Amino acid sequence: MKHIPVLLKETIEGMNISDGDVILDGTLGAGGHSEAICEQGKKDITLIGIDADGAAIERSKKRLEKYTDVKFHFIKNNSVNLDTVLEDLGISKVDKYIFDLGLSSYQLDEDERGFTFHGNQPLTMTFNDDPGEGEVTAYDVVNHFEEESLSDIIFGFGGERYARKIAKAIVKERMVNPIKTTEELVTVIKRVTPMGGKIHPATKTFQAIRIAVNREIENLPIILEKSYQRLSTNGRISVITFHSLEDRIVKTFFRDKEDEGKGKRITKKPIPPTDEEVKNNPRSRSAKLRIFELN
C-alpha cells in the first residue's frame, strides 16, 4: 500500500513556512511531509530529516533528490536525541518542527519487523531497522516481562479490556515455548478474546507492545521540551498524534507553555482529518494535529 501523508494540507498551511526557514522533520518516514515542504518553493530552506529507520531515510533521499535548491541533512537517529543532532550540525535554532507520530504504510505493509498482525513475522517492532545489542524488542517484552507488567502495558497503552487475560495467556504459553512470531502471538490472543468485533482482536495488544518497545510515551515530553528549547522566535511546532495518550501529552505541553506566556496555541482544538480523507485513507481516522508558536 502506498503511504499517504496524514493531514498534509492542514499541516503545511499551519507551519507557515517562510524563506530561509530551518525545518526539522522529526519523523521523516516516507518523506511525504518533507516533500510538501519542498514544494512550497520557498528560498534558502534547510531541511533536517530524522528517522531511526535507515531504510526510510534511503527512500526519502531518493524521493527528495530532485529538490536541488533545498539544503538537506538526513540523520539516522531517534528524535529524542534532536538536541545532539542539532549540535553536531552546528544549528542552534529551528524555525519549524513537524512530528507525525504514526507508523508509515511501508512499516505496516512491507516491513518484516512485526508491526502488523497480518502474515507471520519476527517479533521485533523497533523503529530502528538495525537494533543494537541490548535494545529491547517485542520478543523481549512478550517473553521476559512479568505478567503484571505485560497487563499494565496492554491496558495502559492499548486500552485493551482483556489485558489481564491476554497477559496471563502469554505467560502460560511462553512457559512451554517462547513466542517468536506475530502469528504465534496472534494465536495466543485469539484464544482468550472474543471474535467478531469491529477491529482485529490483536490490534490493541500489538499497538501497546510497539509503544512500549520504542518508549513512545516516555520520549514524547522530552522531544517536545527539546524542540521548544531550540525553537526560534515566531517558530512553530506541529505534532500529529494517533493515540489519546500522545494527544493528551501534546495538549498539556502546549497549553502550559501558553499559560506561562511563552507562546500561543495556533490550534486551540486539535484538527482532525476530513471525512473525505478518512474515506480515502482509513488509517487517518484517529489523527489529530496540534500546532504551537513561540512568542
C-alpha atoms as a PDB file:
ATOM      1  CA  MET A   1       0.000   0.000   0.000  1.00  0.00           C
ATOM      2  CA  LYS A   2       1.361   3.446  -0.932  1.00  0.00           C
ATOM      3  CA  HIS A   3       1.989   5.652   2.081  1.00  0.00           C
ATOM      4  CA  ILE A   4      -0.380   8.620   2.230  1.00  0.00           C
ATOM      5  CA  PRO A   5       0.738  11.515   4.476  1.00  0.00           C
ATOM      6  CA  VAL A   6      -1.960  12.348   7.025  1.00  0.00           C
ATOM      7  CA  LEU A   7      -3.383  15.872   7.443  1.00  0.00           C
ATOM      8  CA  LEU A   8      -0.880  17.064   4.840  1.00  0.00           C
ATOM      9  CA  LYS A   9      -2.642  20.242   3.689  1.00  0.00           C
ATOM     10  CA  GLU A  10      -3.547  21.310   7.214  1.00  0.00           C
ATOM     11  CA  THR A  11      -0.010  20.703   8.492  1.00  0.00           C
ATOM     12  CA  ILE A  12       1.768  22.603   5.733  1.00  0.00           C
ATOM     13  CA  GLU A  13      -0.614  25.559   5.974  1.00  0.00           C
ATOM     14  CA  GLY A  14      -0.275  25.597   9.749  1.00  0.00           C
ATOM     15  CA  MET A  15       3.536  25.603   9.648  1.00  0.00           C
ATOM     16  CA  ASN A  16       3.520  28.974   7.842  1.00  0.00           C
ATOM     17  CA  ILE A  17       6.822  28.285   6.069  1.00  0.00           C
ATOM     18  CA  SER A  18       8.949  31.292   5.078  1.00  0.00           C
ATOM     19  CA  ASP A  19      12.111  31.908   3.059  1.00  0.00           C
ATOM     20  CA  GLY A  20      15.232  30.947   4.962  1.00  0.00           C
ATOM     21  CA  ASP A  21      13.496  28.621   7.425  1.00  0.00           C
ATOM     22  CA  VAL A  22      15.370  25.846   9.162  1.00  0.00           C
ATOM     23  CA  ILE A  23      12.862  22.993   9.339  1.00  0.00           C
ATOM     24  CA  LEU A  24      13.179  19.739  11.273  1.00  0.00           C
ATOM     25  CA  ASP A  25      11.080  16.759  10.210  1.00  0.00           C
ATOM     26  CA  GLY A  26      11.455  14.582  13.283  1.00  0.00           C
ATOM     27  CA  THR A  27       9.632  11.601  11.787  1.00  0.00           C
ATOM     28  CA  LEU A  28      10.903  11.583   8.213  1.00  0.00           C
ATOM     29  CA  GLY A  29       9.261   8.273   7.288  1.00  0.00           C
ATOM     30  CA  ALA A  30       8.426   8.103   3.596  1.00  0.00           C
ATOM     31  CA  GLY A  31       9.196  11.816   3.142  1.00  0.00           C
ATOM     32  CA  GLY A  32       5.641  12.889   2.337  1.00  0.00           C
ATOM     33  CA  HIS A  33       5.517  15.908   4.623  1.00  0.00           C
ATOM     34  CA  SER A  34       9.084  16.901   3.703  1.00  0.00           C
ATOM     35  CA  GLU A  35       8.225  16.757   0.012  1.00  0.00           C
ATOM     36  CA  ALA A  36       5.215  19.002   0.585  1.00  0.00           C
ATOM     37  CA  ILE A  37       7.501  21.444   2.398  1.00  0.00           C
ATOM     38  CA  CYS A  38       9.890  21.460  -0.571  1.00  0.00           C
ATOM     39  CA  GLU A  39       7.015  22.054  -2.965  1.00  0.00           C
ATOM     40  CA  GLN A  40       6.199  25.359  -1.273  1.00  0.00           C
ATOM     41  CA  GLY A  41       9.031  26.812  -3.344  1.00  0.00           C
ATOM     42  CA  LYS A  42      10.467  28.911  -0.513  1.00  0.00           C
ATOM     43  CA  LYS A  43      14.079  30.080  -0.880  1.00  0.00           C
ATOM     44  CA  ASP A  44      17.101  29.075   1.226  1.00  0.00           C
ATOM     45  CA  ILE A  45      15.319  26.285   3.098  1.00  0.00           C
ATOM     46  CA  THR A  46      17.323  23.929   5.307  1.00  0.00           C
ATOM     47  CA  LEU A  47      15.528  20.640   5.998  1.00  0.00           C
ATOM     48  CA  ILE A  48      16.710  18.207   8.649  1.00  0.00           C
ATOM     49  CA  GLY A  49      15.127  14.778   8.351  1.00  0.00           C
ATOM     50  CA  ILE A  50      15.474  12.441  11.330  1.00  0.00           C
ATOM     51  CA  ASP A  51      14.380   8.820  11.427  1.00  0.00           C
ATOM     52  CA  ALA A  52      15.578   5.750  13.319  1.00  0.00           C
ATOM     53  CA  ASP A  53      14.761   3.630  10.274  1.00  0.00           C
ATOM     54  CA  GLY A  54      17.652   3.619   7.826  1.00  0.00           C
ATOM     55  CA  ALA A  55      15.501   2.214   5.027  1.00  0.00           C
ATOM     56  CA  ALA A  56      13.062   5.120   5.448  1.00  0.00           C
ATOM     57  CA  ILE A  57      15.909   7.597   5.123  1.00  0.00           C
ATOM     58  CA  GLU A  58      17.096   5.994   1.890  1.00  0.00           C
ATOM     59  CA  ARG A  59      13.565   6.090   0.443  1.00  0.00           C
ATOM     60  CA  SER A  60      13.212   9.745   1.370  1.00  0.00           C
ATOM     61  CA  LYS A  61      16.615  10.670  -0.054  1.00  0.00           C
ATOM     62  CA  LYS A  62      15.552   9.248  -3.388  1.00  0.00           C
ATOM     63  CA  ARG A  63      12.166  10.944  -3.225  1.00  0.00           C
ATOM     64  CA  LEU A  64      13.613  14.344  -2.388  1.00  0.00           C
ATOM     65  CA  GLU A  65      16.755  14.381  -4.537  1.00  0.00           C
ATOM     66  CA  LYS A  66      15.028  16.451  -7.231  1.00  0.00           C
ATOM     67  CA  TYR A  67      14.736  19.458  -4.892  1.00  0.00           C
ATOM     68  CA  THR A  68      18.218  20.784  -5.522  1.00  0.00           C
ATOM     69  CA  ASP A  69      17.534  24.219  -4.018  1.00  0.00           C
ATOM     70  CA  VAL A  70      16.923  22.766  -0.536  1.00  0.00           C
ATOM     71  CA  LYS A  71      19.813  22.043   1.837  1.00  0.00           C
ATOM     72  CA  PHE A  72      19.172  18.595   3.297  1.00  0.00           C
ATOM     73  CA  HIS A  73      20.558  16.833   6.346  1.00  0.00           C
ATOM     74  CA  PHE A  74      19.405  13.209   6.624  1.00  0.00           C
ATOM     75  CA  ILE A  75      20.102  11.778  10.079  1.00  0.00           C
ATOM     76  CA  LYS A  76      19.593   8.189  11.259  1.00  0.00           C
ATOM     77  CA  ASN A  77      18.646   8.709  14.881  1.00  0.00           C
ATOM     78  CA  ASN A  78      15.690   8.989  17.232  1.00  0.00           C
ATOM     79  CA  SER A  79      14.146  12.441  17.635  1.00  0.00           C
ATOM     80  CA  VAL A  80      14.581  12.150  21.394  1.00  0.00           C
ATOM     81  CA  ASN A  81      18.219  12.963  20.568  1.00  0.00           C
ATOM     82  CA  LEU A  82      17.422  16.005  18.416  1.00  0.00           C
ATOM     83  CA  ASP A  83      19.490  18.275  20.659  1.00  0.00           C
ATOM     84  CA  THR A  84      22.706  16.388  19.948  1.00  0.00           C
ATOM     85  CA  VAL A  85      21.761  16.132  16.251  1.00  0.00           C
ATOM     86  CA  LEU A  86      21.460  19.919  16.047  1.00  0.00           C
ATOM     87  CA  GLU A  87      24.677  20.431  17.997  1.00  0.00           C
ATOM     88  CA  ASP A  88      26.539  18.124  15.616  1.00  0.00           C
ATOM     89  CA  LEU A  89      25.184  20.123  12.665  1.00  0.00           C
ATOM     90  CA  GLY A  90      26.100  23.439  14.266  1.00  0.00           C
ATOM     91  CA  ILE A  91      22.456  24.578  14.226  1.00  0.00           C
ATOM     92  CA  SER A  92      21.289  26.466  17.311  1.00  0.00           C
ATOM     93  CA  LYS A  93      17.685  27.308  16.406  1.00  0.00           C
ATOM     94  CA  VAL A  94      14.916  25.695  14.340  1.00  0.00           C
ATOM     95  CA  ASP A  95      12.072  27.686  12.792  1.00  0.00           C
ATOM     96  CA  LYS A  96       9.596  24.870  12.154  1.00  0.00           C
ATOM     97  CA  TYR A  97       9.192  21.344  13.511  1.00  0.00           C
ATOM     98  CA  ILE A  98       6.930  18.592  12.210  1.00  0.00           C
ATOM     99  CA  PHE A  99       6.336  15.324  14.059  1.00  0.00           C
ATOM    100  CA  ASP A 100       3.992  12.694  12.583  1.00  0.00           C
ATOM    101  CA  LEU A 101       3.775  10.055  15.298  1.00  0.00           C
ATOM    102  CA  GLY A 102       2.040   7.383  13.214  1.00  0.00           C
ATOM    103  CA  LEU A 103       3.536   4.336  11.535  1.00  0.00           C
ATOM    104  CA  SER A 104       4.142   4.529   7.809  1.00  0.00           C
ATOM    105  CA  SER A 105       2.366   2.184   5.422  1.00  0.00           C
ATOM    106  CA  TYR A 106       5.772   0.776   4.490  1.00  0.00           C
ATOM    107  CA  GLN A 107       6.313  -0.350   8.065  1.00  0.00           C
ATOM    108  CA  LEU A 108       2.860  -1.889   8.250  1.00  0.00           C
ATOM    109  CA  ASP A 109       2.647  -3.463   4.801  1.00  0.00           C
ATOM    110  CA  GLU A 110       6.162  -4.155   3.581  1.00  0.00           C
ATOM    111  CA  ASP A 111       8.375  -4.438   6.620  1.00  0.00           C
ATOM    112  CA  GLU A 112       9.382  -7.616   8.429  1.00  0.00           C
ATOM    113  CA  ARG A 113       9.621  -6.280  11.973  1.00  0.00           C
ATOM    114  CA  GLY A 114       6.269  -7.472  13.275  1.00  0.00           C
ATOM    115  CA  PHE A 115       4.389  -4.168  13.384  1.00  0.00           C
ATOM    116  CA  THR A 116       1.349  -5.862  11.862  1.00  0.00           C
ATOM    117  CA  PHE A 117      -0.543  -8.955  12.914  1.00  0.00           C
ATOM    118  CA  HIS A 118      -1.137  -9.904   9.275  1.00  0.00           C
ATOM    119  CA  GLY A 119       1.269 -12.535   7.977  1.00  0.00           C
ATOM    120  CA  ASN A 120       3.999 -14.135  10.052  1.00  0.00           C
ATOM    121  CA  GLN A 121       6.977 -12.025  11.080  1.00  0.00           C
ATOM    122  CA  PRO A 122       9.616 -11.980  13.810  1.00  0.00           C
ATOM    123  CA  LEU A 123       8.628 -10.126  16.967  1.00  0.00           C
ATOM    124  CA  THR A 124      10.835  -7.027  16.728  1.00  0.00           C
ATOM    125  CA  MET A 125       8.708  -3.829  16.449  1.00  0.00           C
ATOM    126  CA  THR A 126      11.681  -1.453  16.825  1.00  0.00           C
ATOM    127  CA  PHE A 127      11.661   1.762  14.803  1.00  0.00           C
ATOM    128  CA  ASN A 128      15.388   1.209  14.414  1.00  0.00           C
ATOM    129  CA  ASP A 129      15.709  -1.204  11.496  1.00  0.00           C
ATOM    130  CA  ASP A 130      19.028  -2.437  12.882  1.00  0.00           C
ATOM    131  CA  PRO A 131      18.576  -2.704  16.654  1.00  0.00           C
ATOM    132  CA  GLY A 132      21.804  -2.961  18.571  1.00  0.00           C
ATOM    133  CA  GLU A 133      22.746  -5.344  21.339  1.00  0.00           C
ATOM    134  CA  GLY A 134      20.733  -4.664  24.453  1.00  0.00           C
ATOM    135  CA  GLU A 135      17.934  -2.829  22.624  1.00  0.00           C
ATOM    136  CA  VAL A 136      14.531  -4.046  23.803  1.00  0.00           C
ATOM    137  CA  THR A 137      12.384  -5.778  21.172  1.00  0.00           C
ATOM    138  CA  ALA A 138       8.828  -7.083  21.158  1.00  0.00           C
ATOM    139  CA  TYR A 139      10.254 -10.554  21.697  1.00  0.00           C
ATOM    140  CA  ASP A 140      11.790  -9.372  24.972  1.00  0.00           C
ATOM    141  CA  VAL A 141       8.546  -7.748  26.141  1.00  0.00           C
ATOM    142  CA  VAL A 142       6.425 -10.779  25.284  1.00  0.00           C
ATOM    143  CA  ASN A 143       8.801 -13.429  26.628  1.00  0.00           C
ATOM    144  CA  HIS A 144      10.518 -11.784  29.594  1.00  0.00           C
ATOM    145  CA  PHE A 145       8.295  -9.139  31.162  1.00  0.00           C
ATOM    146  CA  GLU A 146       6.372 -10.081  34.300  1.00  0.00           C
ATOM    147  CA  GLU A 147       2.677 -10.837  33.880  1.00  0.00           C
ATOM    148  CA  GLU A 148       1.608  -7.733  35.788  1.00  0.00           C
ATOM    149  CA  SER A 149       3.865  -5.502  33.680  1.00  0.00           C
ATOM    150  CA  LEU A 150       2.526  -7.069  30.497  1.00  0.00           C
ATOM    151  CA  SER A 151      -1.030  -6.486  31.631  1.00  0.00           C
ATOM    152  CA  ASP A 152      -0.284  -2.871  32.535  1.00  0.00           C
ATOM    153  CA  ILE A 153       1.308  -2.241  29.125  1.00  0.00           C
ATOM    154  CA  ILE A 154      -1.517  -3.844  27.161  1.00  0.00           C
ATOM    155  CA  PHE A 155      -4.186  -1.976  29.106  1.00  0.00           C
ATOM    156  CA  GLY A 156      -2.359   1.323  29.577  1.00  0.00           C
ATOM    157  CA  PHE A 157      -1.020   1.755  26.048  1.00  0.00           C
ATOM    158  CA  GLY A 158      -3.646  -0.217  24.180  1.00  0.00           C
ATOM    159  CA  GLY A 159      -6.806   0.265  26.213  1.00  0.00           C
ATOM    160  CA  GLU A 160      -7.410  -3.467  25.858  1.00  0.00           C
ATOM    161  CA  ARG A 161     -10.230  -4.600  28.158  1.00  0.00           C
ATOM    162  CA  TYR A 162      -8.949  -8.183  28.081  1.00  0.00           C
ATOM    163  CA  ALA A 163      -5.407  -7.167  29.073  1.00  0.00           C
ATOM    164  CA  ARG A 164      -5.228  -9.425  32.134  1.00  0.00           C
ATOM    165  CA  LYS A 165      -6.458 -12.461  30.234  1.00  0.00           C
ATOM    166  CA  ILE A 166      -4.031 -11.811  27.370  1.00  0.00           C
ATOM    167  CA  ALA A 167      -1.075 -11.319  29.715  1.00  0.00           C
ATOM    168  CA  LYS A 168      -1.929 -14.496  31.607  1.00  0.00           C
ATOM    169  CA  ALA A 169      -2.254 -16.466  28.348  1.00  0.00           C
ATOM    170  CA  ILE A 170       1.089 -15.125  27.069  1.00  0.00           C
ATOM    171  CA  VAL A 171       2.894 -16.165  30.254  1.00  0.00           C
ATOM    172  CA  LYS A 172       1.280 -19.607  30.179  1.00  0.00           C
ATOM    173  CA  GLU A 173       2.277 -20.140  26.536  1.00  0.00           C
ATOM    174  CA  ARG A 174       5.876 -18.965  26.899  1.00  0.00           C
ATOM    175  CA  MET A 175       6.424 -21.375  29.771  1.00  0.00           C
ATOM    176  CA  VAL A 176       6.017 -24.150  27.199  1.00  0.00           C
ATOM    177  CA  ASN A 177       7.677 -22.488  24.195  1.00  0.00           C
ATOM    178  CA  PRO A 178       8.976 -18.966  23.524  1.00  0.00           C
ATOM    179  CA  ILE A 179       6.623 -16.826  21.437  1.00  0.00           C
ATOM    180  CA  LYS A 180       8.801 -15.903  18.458  1.00  0.00           C
ATOM    181  CA  THR A 181       6.491 -14.652  15.708  1.00  0.00           C
ATOM    182  CA  THR A 182       3.486 -12.411  15.176  1.00  0.00           C
ATOM    183  CA  GLU A 183       1.411 -15.405  14.143  1.00  0.00           C
ATOM    184  CA  GLU A 184       2.164 -17.202  17.386  1.00  0.00           C
ATOM    185  CA  LEU A 185       1.254 -14.104  19.416  1.00  0.00           C
ATOM    186  CA  VAL A 186      -1.994 -13.614  17.496  1.00  0.00           C
ATOM    187  CA  THR A 187      -2.926 -17.250  18.157  1.00  0.00           C
ATOM    188  CA  VAL A 188      -2.488 -16.731  21.906  1.00  0.00           C
ATOM    189  CA  ILE A 189      -4.533 -13.519  21.876  1.00  0.00           C
ATOM    190  CA  LYS A 190      -7.371 -15.052  19.875  1.00  0.00           C
ATOM    191  CA  ARG A 191      -7.557 -17.915  22.353  1.00  0.00           C
ATOM    192  CA  VAL A 192      -8.761 -15.609  25.160  1.00  0.00           C
ATOM    193  CA  THR A 193     -10.613 -12.806  23.349  1.00  0.00           C
ATOM    194  CA  PRO A 194     -13.991 -12.802  21.587  1.00  0.00           C
ATOM    195  CA  MET A 195     -14.104 -12.609  17.802  1.00  0.00           C
ATOM    196  CA  GLY A 196     -16.426 -10.597  15.617  1.00  0.00           C
ATOM    197  CA  GLY A 197     -15.681  -7.057  16.760  1.00  0.00           C
ATOM    198  CA  LYS A 198     -15.033  -4.046  14.539  1.00  0.00           C
ATOM    199  CA  ILE A 199     -11.278  -4.394  14.902  1.00  0.00           C
ATOM    200  CA  HIS A 200      -8.972  -7.402  14.917  1.00  0.00           C
ATOM    201  CA  PRO A 201      -8.603  -8.836  18.459  1.00  0.00           C
ATOM    202  CA  ALA A 202      -4.802  -8.346  18.321  1.00  0.00           C
ATOM    203  CA  THR A 203      -4.899  -4.671  17.278  1.00  0.00           C
ATOM    204  CA  LYS A 204      -4.680  -3.063  20.707  1.00  0.00           C
ATOM    205  CA  THR A 205      -2.118  -5.510  22.075  1.00  0.00           C
ATOM    206  CA  PHE A 206       0.210  -5.004  19.111  1.00  0.00           C
ATOM    207  CA  GLN A 207      -0.131  -1.226  19.431  1.00  0.00           C
ATOM    208  CA  ALA A 208       0.653  -1.371  23.145  1.00  0.00           C
ATOM    209  CA  ILE A 209       3.735  -3.553  22.733  1.00  0.00           C
ATOM    210  CA  ARG A 210       5.078  -1.332  19.934  1.00  0.00           C
ATOM    211  CA  ILE A 211       4.640   1.762  22.106  1.00  0.00           C
ATOM    212  CA  ALA A 212       6.437   0.073  24.996  1.00  0.00           C
ATOM    213  CA  VAL A 213       9.305  -1.192  22.824  1.00  0.00           C
ATOM    214  CA  ASN A 214      10.013   2.254  21.370  1.00  0.00           C
ATOM    215  CA  ARG A 215       9.324   4.191  24.584  1.00  0.00           C
ATOM    216  CA  GLU A 216       6.969   6.409  22.605  1.00  0.00           C
ATOM    217  CA  ILE A 217       5.010   7.805  25.550  1.00  0.00           C
ATOM    218  CA  GLU A 218       8.114   8.341  27.706  1.00  0.00           C
ATOM    219  CA  ASN A 219      10.039  10.037  24.896  1.00  0.00           C
ATOM    220  CA  LEU A 220       7.336  12.429  23.699  1.00  0.00           C
ATOM    221  CA  PRO A 221       7.565  15.008  26.543  1.00  0.00           C
ATOM    222  CA  ILE A 222      11.363  15.003  26.137  1.00  0.00           C
ATOM    223  CA  ILE A 223      11.063  15.589  22.387  1.00  0.00           C
ATOM    224  CA  LEU A 224       8.601  18.440  22.920  1.00  0.00           C
ATOM    225  CA  GLU A 225      10.770  20.164  25.521  1.00  0.00           C
ATOM    226  CA  LYS A 226      13.941  19.832  23.456  1.00  0.00           C
ATOM    227  CA  SER A 227      12.101  21.191  20.424  1.00  0.00           C
ATOM    228  CA  TYR A 228      10.781  24.137  22.431  1.00  0.00           C
ATOM    229  CA  GLN A 229      14.234  24.946  23.838  1.00  0.00           C
ATOM    230  CA  ARG A 230      15.621  25.260  20.292  1.00  0.00           C
ATOM    231  CA  LEU A 231      12.643  26.977  18.704  1.00  0.00           C
ATOM    232  CA  SER A 232      13.256  30.393  17.177  1.00  0.00           C
ATOM    233  CA  THR A 233      11.025  33.389  17.911  1.00  0.00           C
ATOM    234  CA  ASN A 234       7.738  33.020  15.996  1.00  0.00           C
ATOM    235  CA  GLY A 235       8.740  29.449  15.200  1.00  0.00           C
ATOM    236  CA  ARG A 236       6.176  26.654  15.241  1.00  0.00           C
ATOM    237  CA  ILE A 237       5.914  23.043  16.393  1.00  0.00           C
ATOM    238  CA  SER A 238       3.372  20.829  14.587  1.00  0.00           C
ATOM    239  CA  VAL A 239       2.505  17.414  16.007  1.00  0.00           C
ATOM    240  CA  ILE A 240       0.211  14.754  14.542  1.00  0.00           C
ATOM    241  CA  THR A 241      -0.840  12.122  17.073  1.00  0.00           C
ATOM    242  CA  PHE A 242      -2.791   8.897  16.682  1.00  0.00           C
ATOM    243  CA  HIS A 243      -3.207   7.876  20.307  1.00  0.00           C
ATOM    244  CA  SER A 244      -5.174   9.556  23.085  1.00  0.00           C
ATOM    245  CA  LEU A 245      -2.228   9.420  25.495  1.00  0.00           C
ATOM    246  CA  GLU A 246       0.029  11.140  22.966  1.00  0.00           C
ATOM    247  CA  ASP A 247      -2.572  13.795  22.215  1.00  0.00           C
ATOM    248  CA  ARG A 248      -3.034  14.489  25.921  1.00  0.00           C
ATOM    249  CA  ILE A 249       0.727  14.988  26.366  1.00  0.00           C
ATOM    250  CA  VAL A 250       0.916  17.412  23.425  1.00  0.00           C
ATOM    251  CA  LYS A 251      -2.236  19.268  24.509  1.00  0.00           C
ATOM    252  CA  THR A 252      -0.935  19.706  28.064  1.00  0.00           C
ATOM    253  CA  PHE A 253       2.541  20.781  26.950  1.00  0.00           C
ATOM    254  CA  PHE A 254       1.270  23.446  24.550  1.00  0.00           C
ATOM    255  CA  ARG A 255      -1.385  24.687  26.986  1.00  0.00           C
ATOM    256  CA  ASP A 256       1.106  25.004  29.845  1.00  0.00           C
ATOM    257  CA  LYS A 257       3.559  26.980  27.698  1.00  0.00           C
ATOM    258  CA  GLU A 258       0.728  29.285  26.656  1.00  0.00           C
ATOM    259  CA  ASP A 259      -0.416  29.748  30.269  1.00  0.00           C
ATOM    260  CA  GLU A 260       3.168  30.682  31.189  1.00  0.00           C
ATOM    261  CA  GLY A 261       3.126  33.376  28.490  1.00  0.00           C
ATOM    262  CA  LYS A 262       5.781  31.591  26.472  1.00  0.00           C
ATOM    263  CA  GLY A 263       3.813  31.162  23.274  1.00  0.00           C
ATOM    264  CA  LYS A 264       0.382  30.502  21.861  1.00  0.00           C
ATOM    265  CA  ARG A 265      -1.589  27.587  20.541  1.00  0.00           C
ATOM    266  CA  ILE A 266      -2.363  28.063  16.865  1.00  0.00           C
ATOM    267  CA  THR A 267      -4.872  25.240  17.286  1.00  0.00           C
ATOM    268  CA  LYS A 268      -6.973  25.688  20.428  1.00  0.00           C
ATOM    269  CA  LYS A 269      -8.644  22.415  19.498  1.00  0.00           C
ATOM    270  CA  PRO A 270      -6.959  19.627  17.531  1.00  0.00           C
ATOM    271  CA  ILE A 271      -7.531  19.474  13.791  1.00  0.00           C
ATOM    272  CA  PRO A 272      -8.956  16.081  12.751  1.00  0.00           C
ATOM    273  CA  PRO A 273      -8.933  14.622   9.236  1.00  0.00           C
ATOM    274  CA  THR A 274     -11.866  15.441   6.989  1.00  0.00           C
ATOM    275  CA  ASP A 275     -14.467  12.806   6.215  1.00  0.00           C
ATOM    276  CA  GLU A 276     -13.054  12.640   2.701  1.00  0.00           C
ATOM    277  CA  GLU A 277      -9.523  11.969   3.970  1.00  0.00           C
ATOM    278  CA  VAL A 278     -10.753   9.186   6.264  1.00  0.00           C
ATOM    279  CA  LYS A 279     -12.645   7.668   3.346  1.00  0.00           C
ATOM    280  CA  ASN A 280      -9.540   7.748   1.145  1.00  0.00           C
ATOM    281  CA  ASN A 281      -7.141   6.775   3.926  1.00  0.00           C
ATOM    282  CA  PRO A 282      -8.831   4.874   6.784  1.00  0.00           C
ATOM    283  CA  ARG A 283      -5.575   4.878   8.774  1.00  0.00           C
ATOM    284  CA  SER A 284      -6.007   8.627   9.275  1.00  0.00           C
ATOM    285  CA  ARG A 285      -9.211   8.273  11.285  1.00  0.00           C
ATOM    286  CA  SER A 286      -7.634   8.755  14.736  1.00  0.00           C
ATOM    287  CA  ALA A 287      -5.187  11.502  13.710  1.00  0.00           C
ATOM    288  CA  LYS A 288      -5.119  14.870  15.478  1.00  0.00           C
ATOM    289  CA  LEU A 289      -2.972  17.886  14.596  1.00  0.00           C
ATOM    290  CA  ARG A 290      -1.866  20.468  17.147  1.00  0.00           C
ATOM    291  CA  ILE A 291       0.356  23.493  16.435  1.00  0.00           C
ATOM    292  CA  PHE A 292       2.190  25.819  18.836  1.00  0.00           C
ATOM    293  CA  GLU A 293       4.011  29.119  18.140  1.00  0.00           C
ATOM    294  CA  LEU A 294       6.720  30.677  20.267  1.00  0.00           C
ATOM    295  CA  ASN A 295       6.315  34.352  21.206  1.00  0.00           C
END
